[in-house]
Amino acid sequence: MECKRADAPKLTASIRIALDDLGLERVAVIYPGAKRYPLGDAVEAVPLKTLTTPGALFDGESPAA
């Protein structure tokens, strides 16, 4: 997870390096906007408010019961 203050975060070299060097499956870039959207393969911009819903950080995760 990476956090950005920008209203429209972009895929950065540091995110690509983290994916490769750390062997991450995916990265969520948390930002203050309202829309969830892809930034690249395995990288997604995710609204900050998403963190208030258990299990909603990554698509396909089931919310906790």
PDB file of N, CA and C in Angstrom:
ATOM      1  N   MET A   1       0.852  -1.159   0.000  1.00  0.00           N
ATOM      2  CA  MET A   1       0.000   0.000   0.000  1.00  0.00           C
ATOM      3  C   MET A   1       0.899   1.224   0.000  1.00  0.00           C
ATOM      4  N   GLU A   2       0.538   2.205  -0.784  1.00  0.00           N
ATOM      5  CA  GLU A   2       1.236   3.487  -0.813  1.00  0.00           C
ATOM      6  C   GLU A   2       0.172   4.570  -0.705  1.00  0.00           C
ATOM      7  N   CYS A   3       0.461   5.642   0.011  1.00  0.00           N
ATOM      8  CA  CYS A   3      -0.496   6.732   0.179  1.00  0.00           C
ATOM      9  C   CYS A   3      -0.007   7.971  -0.551  1.00  0.00           C
ATOM     10  N   LYS A   4      -0.934   8.651  -1.218  1.00  0.00           N
ATOM     11  CA  LYS A   4      -0.632   9.872  -1.974  1.00  0.00           C
ATOM     12  C   LYS A   4      -1.634  10.951  -1.610  1.00  0.00           C
ATOM     13  N   ARG A   5      -1.187  12.201  -1.602  1.00  0.00           N
ATOM     14  CA  ARG A   5      -2.092  13.338  -1.389  1.00  0.00           C
ATOM     15  C   ARG A   5      -2.679  13.830  -2.701  1.00  0.00           C
ATOM     16  N   ALA A   6      -2.123  13.428  -3.802  1.00  0.00           N
ATOM     17  CA  ALA A   6      -2.572  13.899  -5.115  1.00  0.00           C
ATOM     18  C   ALA A   6      -3.995  13.450  -5.413  1.00  0.00           C
ATOM     19  N   ASP A   7      -4.739  14.309  -6.102  1.00  0.00           N
ATOM     20  CA  ASP A   7      -6.107  13.966  -6.492  1.00  0.00           C
ATOM     21  C   ASP A   7      -6.136  12.922  -7.606  1.00  0.00           C
ATOM     22  N   ALA A   8      -5.061  12.815  -8.358  1.00  0.00           N
ATOM     23  CA  ALA A   8      -4.974  11.845  -9.449  1.00  0.00           C
ATOM     24  C   ALA A   8      -3.578  11.215  -9.430  1.00  0.00           C
ATOM     25  N   PRO A   9      -3.371  10.220  -8.560  1.00  0.00           N
ATOM     26  CA  PRO A   9      -2.043   9.603  -8.479  1.00  0.00           C
ATOM     27  C   PRO A   9      -1.666   8.915  -9.782  1.00  0.00           C
ATOM     28  N   LYS A  10      -0.366   8.801  -9.989  1.00  0.00           N
ATOM     29  CA  LYS A  10       0.155   8.173 -11.200  1.00  0.00           C
ATOM     30  C   LYS A  10       1.110   7.052 -10.812  1.00  0.00           C
ATOM     31  N   LEU A  11       1.287   6.139 -11.731  1.00  0.00           N
ATOM     32  CA  LEU A  11       2.238   5.051 -11.537  1.00  0.00           C
ATOM     33  C   LEU A  11       3.650   5.640 -11.563  1.00  0.00           C
ATOM     34  N   THR A  12       4.420   5.374 -10.520  1.00  0.00           N
ATOM     35  CA  THR A  12       5.770   5.925 -10.419  1.00  0.00           C
ATOM     36  C   THR A  12       6.808   4.814 -10.533  1.00  0.00           C
ATOM     37  N   ALA A  13       8.021   5.217 -10.763  1.00  0.00           N
ATOM     38  CA  ALA A  13       9.120   4.250 -10.836  1.00  0.00           C
ATOM     39  C   ALA A  13       9.259   3.500  -9.516  1.00  0.00           C
ATOM     40  N   SER A  14       9.060   4.179  -8.386  1.00  0.00           N
ATOM     41  CA  SER A  14       9.221   3.513  -7.088  1.00  0.00           C
ATOM     42  C   SER A  14       8.181   2.410  -6.894  1.00  0.00           C
ATOM     43  N   ILE A  15       6.984   2.592  -7.429  1.00  0.00           N
ATOM     44  CA  ILE A  15       5.965   1.544  -7.326  1.00  0.00           C
ATOM     45  C   ILE A  15       6.374   0.348  -8.182  1.00  0.00           C
ATOM     46  N   ARG A  16       6.832   0.599  -9.396  1.00  0.00           N
ATOM     47  CA  ARG A  16       7.275  -0.502 -10.266  1.00  0.00           C
ATOM     48  C   ARG A  16       8.446  -1.246  -9.639  1.00  0.00           C
ATOM     49  N   ILE A  17       9.384  -0.524  -9.055  1.00  0.00           N
ATOM     50  CA  ILE A  17      10.543  -1.150  -8.414  1.00  0.00           C
ATOM     51  C   ILE A  17      10.099  -1.999  -7.217  1.00  0.00           C
ATOM     52  N   ALA A  18       9.174  -1.465  -6.410  1.00  0.00           N
ATOM     53  CA  ALA A  18       8.671  -2.221  -5.256  1.00  0.00           C
ATOM     54  C   ALA A  18       7.998  -3.513  -5.701  1.00  0.00           C
ATOM     55  N   LEU A  19       7.202  -3.462  -6.767  1.00  0.00           N
ATOM     56  CA  LEU A  19       6.565  -4.667  -7.292  1.00  0.00           C
ATOM     57  C   LEU A  19       7.604  -5.724  -7.641  1.00  0.00           C
ATOM     58  N   ASP A  20       8.645  -5.309  -8.344  1.00  0.00           N
ATOM     59  CA  ASP A  20       9.684  -6.242  -8.777  1.00  0.00           C
ATOM     60  C   ASP A  20      10.583  -6.699  -7.626  1.00  0.00           C
ATOM     61  N   ASP A  21      11.146  -5.750  -6.896  1.00  0.00           N
ATOM     62  CA  ASP A  21      12.115  -6.080  -5.852  1.00  0.00           C
ATOM     63  C   ASP A  21      11.507  -6.849  -4.686  1.00  0.00           C
ATOM     64  N   LEU A  22      10.278  -6.518  -4.335  1.00  0.00           N
ATOM     65  CA  LEU A  22       9.641  -7.164  -3.185  1.00  0.00           C
ATOM     66  C   LEU A  22       8.763  -8.349  -3.585  1.00  0.00           C
ATOM     67  N   GLY A  23       8.620  -8.555  -4.878  1.00  0.00           N
ATOM     68  CA  GLY A  23       7.811  -9.671  -5.363  1.00  0.00           C
ATOM     69  C   GLY A  23       6.337  -9.525  -4.997  1.00  0.00           C
ATOM     70  N   LEU A  24       5.837  -8.304  -5.018  1.00  0.00           N
ATOM     71  CA  LEU A  24       4.448  -8.046  -4.632  1.00  0.00           C
ATOM     72  C   LEU A  24       3.488  -8.516  -5.720  1.00  0.00           C
ATOM     73  N   GLU A  25       2.334  -9.012  -5.316  1.00  0.00           N
ATOM     74  CA  GLU A  25       1.304  -9.411  -6.268  1.00  0.00           C
ATOM     75  C   GLU A  25       0.548  -8.199  -6.786  1.00  0.00           C
ATOM     76  N   ARG A  26       0.351  -7.204  -5.910  1.00  0.00           N
ATOM     77  CA  ARG A  26      -0.380  -5.997  -6.284  1.00  0.00           C
ATOM     78  C   ARG A  26      -0.085  -4.885  -5.287  1.00  0.00           C
ATOM     79  N   VAL A  27      -0.382  -3.666  -5.723  1.00  0.00           N
ATOM     80  CA  VAL A  27      -0.163  -2.487  -4.885  1.00  0.00           C
ATOM     81  C   VAL A  27      -1.425  -1.628  -4.936  1.00  0.00           C
ATOM     82  N   ALA A  28      -1.857  -1.171  -3.786  1.00  0.00           N
ATOM     83  CA  ALA A  28      -2.965  -0.225  -3.701  1.00  0.00           C
ATOM     84  C   ALA A  28      -2.368   1.133  -3.364  1.00  0.00           C
ATOM     85  N   VAL A  29      -2.654   2.120  -4.191  1.00  0.00           N
ATOM     86  CA  VAL A  29      -2.227   3.492  -3.934  1.00  0.00           C
ATOM     87  C   VAL A  29      -3.437   4.213  -3.343  1.00  0.00           C
ATOM     88  N   ILE A  30      -3.369   4.522  -2.053  1.00  0.00           N
ATOM     89  CA  ILE A  30      -4.479   5.171  -1.355  1.00  0.00           C
ATOM     90  C   ILE A  30      -4.407   6.668  -1.636  1.00  0.00           C
ATOM     91  N   TYR A  31      -5.548   7.248  -2.038  1.00  0.00           N
ATOM     92  CA  TYR A  31      -5.573   8.681  -2.350  1.00  0.00           C
ATOM     93  C   TYR A  31      -6.897   9.272  -1.896  1.00  0.00           C
ATOM     94  N   PRO A  32      -7.023  10.605  -1.790  1.00  0.00           N
ATOM     95  CA  PRO A  32      -8.225  11.227  -1.239  1.00  0.00           C
ATOM     96  C   PRO A  32      -9.422  11.297  -2.189  1.00  0.00           C
ATOM     97  N   GLY A  33      -9.305  10.813  -3.392  1.00  0.00           N
ATOM     98  CA  GLY A  33     -10.398  10.898  -4.362  1.00  0.00           C
ATOM     99  C   GLY A  33     -11.520   9.916  -4.065  1.00  0.00           C
ATOM    100  N   ALA A  34     -12.493   9.858  -4.978  1.00  0.00           N
ATOM    101  CA  ALA A  34     -13.687   9.043  -4.760  1.00  0.00           C
ATOM    102  C   ALA A  34     -13.783   7.828  -5.675  1.00  0.00           C
ATOM    103  N   LYS A  35     -12.966   7.764  -6.727  1.00  0.00           N
ATOM    104  CA  LYS A  35     -13.057   6.690  -7.711  1.00  0.00           C
ATOM    105  C   LYS A  35     -11.885   5.735  -7.619  1.00  0.00           C
ATOM    106  N   ARG A  36     -12.178   4.468  -7.771  1.00  0.00           N
ATOM    107  CA  ARG A  36     -11.152   3.432  -7.830  1.00  0.00           C
ATOM    108  C   ARG A  36     -10.822   3.225  -9.313  1.00  0.00           C
ATOM    109  N   TYR A  37      -9.516   3.154  -9.651  1.00  0.00           N
ATOM    110  CA  TYR A  37      -9.149   2.942 -11.042  1.00  0.00           C
ATOM    111  C   TYR A  37      -7.747   2.346 -11.147  1.00  0.00           C
ATOM    112  N   PRO A  38      -7.476   1.607 -12.230  1.00  0.00           N
ATOM    113  CA  PRO A  38      -6.158   0.993 -12.408  1.00  0.00           C
ATOM    114  C   PRO A  38      -5.113   2.032 -12.797  1.00  0.00           C
ATOM    115  N   LEU A  39      -3.902   1.836 -12.290  1.00  0.00           N
ATOM    116  CA  LEU A  39      -2.759   2.678 -12.668  1.00  0.00           C
ATOM    117  C   LEU A  39      -1.803   1.903 -13.568  1.00  0.00           C
ATOM    118  N   GLY A  40      -1.932   0.600 -13.565  1.00  0.00           N
ATOM    119  CA  GLY A  40      -1.065  -0.269 -14.349  1.00  0.00           C
ATOM    120  C   GLY A  40      -1.330  -1.702 -13.943  1.00  0.00           C
ATOM    121  N   ASP A  41      -0.548  -2.633 -14.505  1.00  0.00           N
ATOM    122  CA  ASP A  41      -0.691  -4.033 -14.123  1.00  0.00           C
ATOM    123  C   ASP A  41      -0.410  -4.178 -12.639  1.00  0.00           C
ATOM    124  N   ALA A  42      -1.369  -4.707 -11.902  1.00  0.00           N
ATOM    125  CA  ALA A  42      -1.238  -4.999 -10.470  1.00  0.00           C
ATOM    126  C   ALA A  42      -1.158  -3.753  -9.594  1.00  0.00           C
ATOM    127  N   VAL A  43      -1.491  -2.580 -10.136  1.00  0.00           N
ATOM    128  CA  VAL A  43      -1.458  -1.333  -9.361  1.00  0.00           C
ATOM    129  C   VAL A  43      -2.789  -0.616  -9.549  1.00  0.00           C
ATOM    130  N   GLU A  44      -3.389  -0.213  -8.417  1.00  0.00           N
ATOM    131  CA  GLU A  44      -4.701   0.402  -8.470  1.00  0.00           C
ATOM    132  C   GLU A  44      -4.766   1.598  -7.530  1.00  0.00           C
ATOM    133  N   ALA A  45      -5.391   2.684  -7.989  1.00  0.00           N
ATOM    134  CA  ALA A  45      -5.677   3.832  -7.131  1.00  0.00           C
ATOM    135  C   ALA A  45      -6.952   3.498  -6.366  1.00  0.00           C
ATOM    136  N   VAL A  46      -6.902   3.656  -5.045  1.00  0.00           N
ATOM    137  CA  VAL A  46      -8.021   3.273  -4.192  1.00  0.00           C
ATOM    138  C   VAL A  46      -8.370   4.443  -3.271  1.00  0.00           C
ATOM    139  N   PRO A  47      -9.651   4.847  -3.234  1.00  0.00           N
ATOM    140  CA  PRO A  47     -10.050   5.952  -2.363  1.00  0.00           C
ATOM    141  C   PRO A  47      -9.769   5.655  -0.889  1.00  0.00           C
ATOM    142  N   LEU A  48      -9.375   6.669  -0.151  1.00  0.00           N
ATOM    143  CA  LEU A  48      -9.090   6.540   1.276  1.00  0.00           C
ATOM    144  C   LEU A  48     -10.266   5.943   2.033  1.00  0.00           C
ATOM    145  N   LYS A  49     -11.489   6.329   1.674  1.00  0.00           N
ATOM    146  CA  LYS A  49     -12.662   5.830   2.395  1.00  0.00           C
ATOM    147  C   LYS A  49     -12.815   4.314   2.294  1.00  0.00           C
ATOM    148  N   THR A  50     -12.160   3.691   1.325  1.00  0.00           N
ATOM    149  CA  THR A  50     -12.203   2.241   1.181  1.00  0.00           C
ATOM    150  C   THR A  50     -11.655   1.543   2.422  1.00  0.00           C
ATOM    151  N   LEU A  51     -10.720   2.188   3.103  1.00  0.00           N
ATOM    152  CA  LEU A  51     -10.109   1.579   4.282  1.00  0.00           C
ATOM    153  C   LEU A  51     -11.088   1.412   5.433  1.00  0.00           C
ATOM    154  N   THR A  52     -12.250   2.052   5.365  1.00  0.00           N
ATOM    155  CA  THR A  52     -13.245   1.937   6.433  1.00  0.00           C
ATOM    156  C   THR A  52     -14.109   0.692   6.285  1.00  0.00           C
ATOM    157  N   THR A  53     -14.005   0.003   5.142  1.00  0.00           N
ATOM    158  CA  THR A  53     -14.779  -1.214   4.904  1.00  0.00           C
ATOM    159  C   THR A  53     -13.845  -2.417   4.969  1.00  0.00           C
ATOM    160  N   PRO A  54     -13.994  -3.268   5.978  1.00  0.00           N
ATOM    161  CA  PRO A  54     -13.122  -4.434   6.098  1.00  0.00           C
ATOM    162  C   PRO A  54     -13.138  -5.290   4.828  1.00  0.00           C
ATOM    163  N   GLY A  55     -11.961  -5.657   4.358  1.00  0.00           N
ATOM    164  CA  GLY A  55     -11.833  -6.522   3.196  1.00  0.00           C
ATOM    165  C   GLY A  55     -12.032  -5.860   1.855  1.00  0.00           C
ATOM    166  N   ALA A  56     -12.186  -4.545   1.806  1.00  0.00           N
ATOM    167  CA  ALA A  56     -12.491  -3.865   0.539  1.00  0.00           C
ATOM    168  C   ALA A  56     -11.276  -3.246  -0.134  1.00  0.00           C
ATOM    169  N   LEU A  57     -10.102  -3.387   0.455  1.00  0.00           N
ATOM    170  CA  LEU A  57      -8.914  -2.749  -0.111  1.00  0.00           C
ATOM    171  C   LEU A  57      -8.626  -3.232  -1.526  1.00  0.00           C
ATOM    172  N   PHE A  58      -8.663  -4.533  -1.738  1.00  0.00           N
ATOM    173  CA  PHE A  58      -8.406  -5.091  -3.055  1.00  0.00           C
ATOM    174  C   PHE A  58      -9.684  -5.702  -3.608  1.00  0.00           C
ATOM    175  N   ASP A  59      -9.950  -5.483  -4.887  1.00  0.00           N
ATOM    176  CA  ASP A  59     -11.111  -6.101  -5.524  1.00  0.00           C
ATOM    177  C   ASP A  59     -11.007  -7.613  -5.383  1.00  0.00           C
ATOM    178  N   GLY A  60     -12.134  -8.229  -5.215  1.00  0.00           N
ATOM    179  CA  GLY A  60     -12.135  -9.691  -5.127  1.00  0.00           C
ATOM    180  C   GLY A  60     -11.994 -10.207  -3.719  1.00  0.00           C
ATOM    181  N   GLU A  61     -11.667  -9.324  -2.766  1.00  0.00           N
ATOM    182  CA  GLU A  61     -11.584  -9.758  -1.374  1.00  0.00           C
ATOM    183  C   GLU A  61     -12.985  -9.751  -0.799  1.00  0.00           C
ATOM    184  N   SER A  62     -13.277 -10.716   0.015  1.00  0.00           N
ATOM    185  CA  SER A  62     -14.576 -10.761   0.677  1.00  0.00           C
ATOM    186  C   SER A  62     -14.508  -9.949   1.958  1.00  0.00           C
ATOM    187  N   PRO A  63     -15.524  -9.115   2.217  1.00  0.00           N
ATOM    188  CA  PRO A  63     -15.559  -8.390   3.474  1.00  0.00           C
ATOM    189  C   PRO A  63     -15.606  -9.358   4.647  1.00  0.00           C
ATOM    190  N   ALA A  64     -14.990  -8.974   5.753  1.00  0.00           N
ATOM    191  CA  ALA A  64     -14.978  -9.825   6.941  1.00  0.00           C
ATOM    192  C   ALA A  64     -16.393  -9.971   7.470  1.00  0.00           C
ATOM    193  N   ALA A  65     -16.712 -11.152   7.959  1.00  0.00           N
ATOM    194  CA  ALA A  65     -18.060 -11.406   8.484  1.00  0.00           C
ATOM    195  C   ALA A  65     -18.195 -10.900   9.900  1.00  0.00           C
TER     196      ALA A  65
END
